[in-house]
Amino acid sequence: MTDENKKLVQEAIRNTWNVLAYDCIQANEGEPMPKDHVVEVVLDASYLEMYARQNQKQAVAEFRKLEYKIQDKIAGEALGNFKRFGI
């Protein structure tokens, strides 16, 4: 994966979390979510494909071909140093 595609994927990851955050936190009874749960939610199903912008879709398709542990690492990097995520 090129650095440019990694950057596009990480933007898509942050965009996807921005879309899902409110509902996820509400489902968690308003409590902040641990980072590993946020990563799992963003990578789950086809949320990333659904919420990626048009210019990110090819990079996301390439990203999905990587091993899950590499996807997990890239997603964790995209979300920064936070340990928990709330509203």
Protein backbone atom coordinates (compact mmCIF):
# COMPACT_ATOMS: atom_id res chain seq x y z
CA MET A 1 0.00 0.00 0.00
CA THR A 2 1.43 3.36 -0.97
CA ASP A 3 1.72 6.17 1.57
CA GLU A 4 -0.90 8.13 -0.37
CA ASN A 5 -3.39 5.24 -0.28
CA LYS A 6 -2.71 4.71 3.41
CA LYS A 7 -3.49 8.38 4.00
CA LEU A 8 -6.75 8.07 2.02
CA VAL A 9 -7.75 4.95 3.98
CA GLN A 10 -7.01 6.63 7.30
CA GLU A 11 -9.16 9.60 6.28
CA ALA A 12 -11.93 7.16 5.37
CA ILE A 13 -11.56 5.47 8.77
CA ARG A 14 -11.93 8.79 10.59
CA ASN A 15 -14.90 9.77 8.39
CA THR A 16 -16.58 6.44 9.07
CA TRP A 17 -16.16 6.80 12.83
CA ASN A 18 -17.57 10.33 12.65
CA VAL A 19 -20.72 8.90 11.03
CA LEU A 20 -21.07 5.96 13.43
CA ALA A 21 -19.91 7.55 16.69
CA TYR A 22 -23.18 8.92 18.02
CA ASP A 23 -25.16 5.71 17.54
CA CYS A 24 -22.32 3.57 18.92
CA ILE A 25 -21.94 5.68 22.05
CA GLN A 26 -25.70 5.67 22.58
CA ALA A 27 -25.75 1.88 22.23
CA ASN A 28 -22.98 1.80 24.84
CA GLU A 29 -25.33 3.64 27.24
CA GLY A 30 -23.49 6.92 26.73
CA GLU A 31 -20.20 5.53 28.01
CA PRO A 32 -16.98 6.11 26.06
CA MET A 33 -15.80 3.17 23.98
CA PRO A 34 -12.31 1.66 24.13
CA LYS A 35 -10.20 2.27 21.05
CA ASP A 36 -10.08 -1.41 20.11
CA HIS A 37 -13.90 -1.50 20.01
CA VAL A 38 -13.98 1.61 17.82
CA VAL A 39 -11.50 0.00 15.40
CA GLU A 40 -13.60 -3.16 15.29
CA VAL A 41 -16.79 -1.20 14.57
CA VAL A 42 -15.20 0.83 11.78
CA LEU A 43 -13.73 -2.29 10.15
CA ASP A 44 -16.93 -4.31 10.60
CA ALA A 45 -19.27 -5.24 7.77
CA SER A 46 -18.90 -2.77 4.92
CA TYR A 47 -19.10 0.47 6.86
CA LEU A 48 -15.77 1.64 5.53
CA GLU A 49 -16.84 1.03 1.94
CA MET A 50 -20.22 2.65 2.60
CA TYR A 51 -18.85 5.88 4.07
CA ALA A 52 -15.61 6.28 2.10
CA ARG A 53 -15.59 9.22 -0.26
CA GLN A 54 -15.31 8.52 -3.97
CA ASN A 55 -11.59 9.37 -4.06
CA GLN A 56 -10.96 6.91 -1.19
CA LYS A 57 -12.77 3.85 -2.57
CA GLN A 58 -9.87 2.36 -4.56
CA ALA A 59 -7.53 2.75 -1.57
CA VAL A 60 -10.13 1.10 0.69
CA ALA A 61 -10.44 -1.82 -1.74
CA GLU A 62 -6.65 -2.27 -1.62
CA PHE A 63 -6.72 -1.97 2.19
CA ARG A 64 -9.32 -4.75 2.47
CA LYS A 65 -6.93 -7.16 0.77
CA LEU A 66 -4.44 -6.79 3.63
CA GLU A 67 -4.33 -9.18 6.58
CA TYR A 68 -6.73 -8.17 9.36
CA LYS A 69 -3.92 -7.46 11.84
CA ILE A 70 -2.42 -4.96 9.37
CA GLN A 71 -5.85 -3.37 8.84
CA ASP A 72 -6.22 -3.17 12.61
CA LYS A 73 -2.82 -1.45 12.97
CA ILE A 74 -3.55 1.10 10.24
CA ALA A 75 -6.98 1.85 11.71
CA GLY A 76 -5.49 2.28 15.17
CA GLU A 77 -2.95 4.74 13.79
CA ALA A 78 -5.72 6.64 12.01
CA LEU A 79 -7.61 7.16 15.26
CA GLY A 80 -4.62 8.62 17.09
CA ASN A 81 -3.43 8.15 20.65
CA PHE A 82 -6.83 8.20 22.32
CA LYS A 83 -7.57 5.17 24.50
CA ARG A 84 -11.34 5.81 24.72
CA PHE A 85 -13.83 7.56 22.45
CA GLY A 86 -16.89 9.44 23.62
CA ILE A 87 -19.09 12.34 22.61
